[in-house]
Amino acid sequence: MASGVARVTDMMQAGITVSLGTDSAASNNNLDMFEEMRLAALIHKGVSGDPTAVPAAEALRMGTIYGAQSLFLEGVGALEAGMKADFIAVNTDQAHFLPRTDFISHVIYSASAKDVEHVWVDGKQVVKHGSCLTLDEERIRREAQAAFEGLLSR
């Protein structure tokens, strides 16, 4: 939207919790949190001229635990005892995860939503091998397209 680039490194230095999200399919289009984390890590290196600005591990925290904190959510944002079991399994058996060096770096700079193989929400598996277990994806796609076409015909 050409509204500028947030002064993330200044905010981090001031102790502000900076988190990431997407702003809906209506304007973001793909809702890929991996892309948001990658952009946060890359853009702020370029804007600040500092190659150490927003390291991969910090970008990961921005997309996970800091997001939960900024929304005042309790019991989510980290995979640890006592927290809700919301987590994903990423298929790392792909060329863009090689060589196997720094996993967090690979997740931030190479991974995408298409690499997510499984998803669990509050301990219940909701995506298995890339397919949603709780919703009829084909019906949702069909209805979404029909709704869009209905808007065009008005």
Foldseek 3Di string as FASTA:
>chain_A
DPPDDDPVQVCVVVVHLAADFDDDCVPRVPRKLLVRLLCQLPVNCVVVVPNPPNDLVNSLQRHFVSVCVVVVHPQGRDPDPPRFPWDFDFQCPDPLCPPPDDNSCSSNNPDIPVRTAWTDGSRRTQHHRRRGPPDDVVVVVVVVVVVVVVVVVD
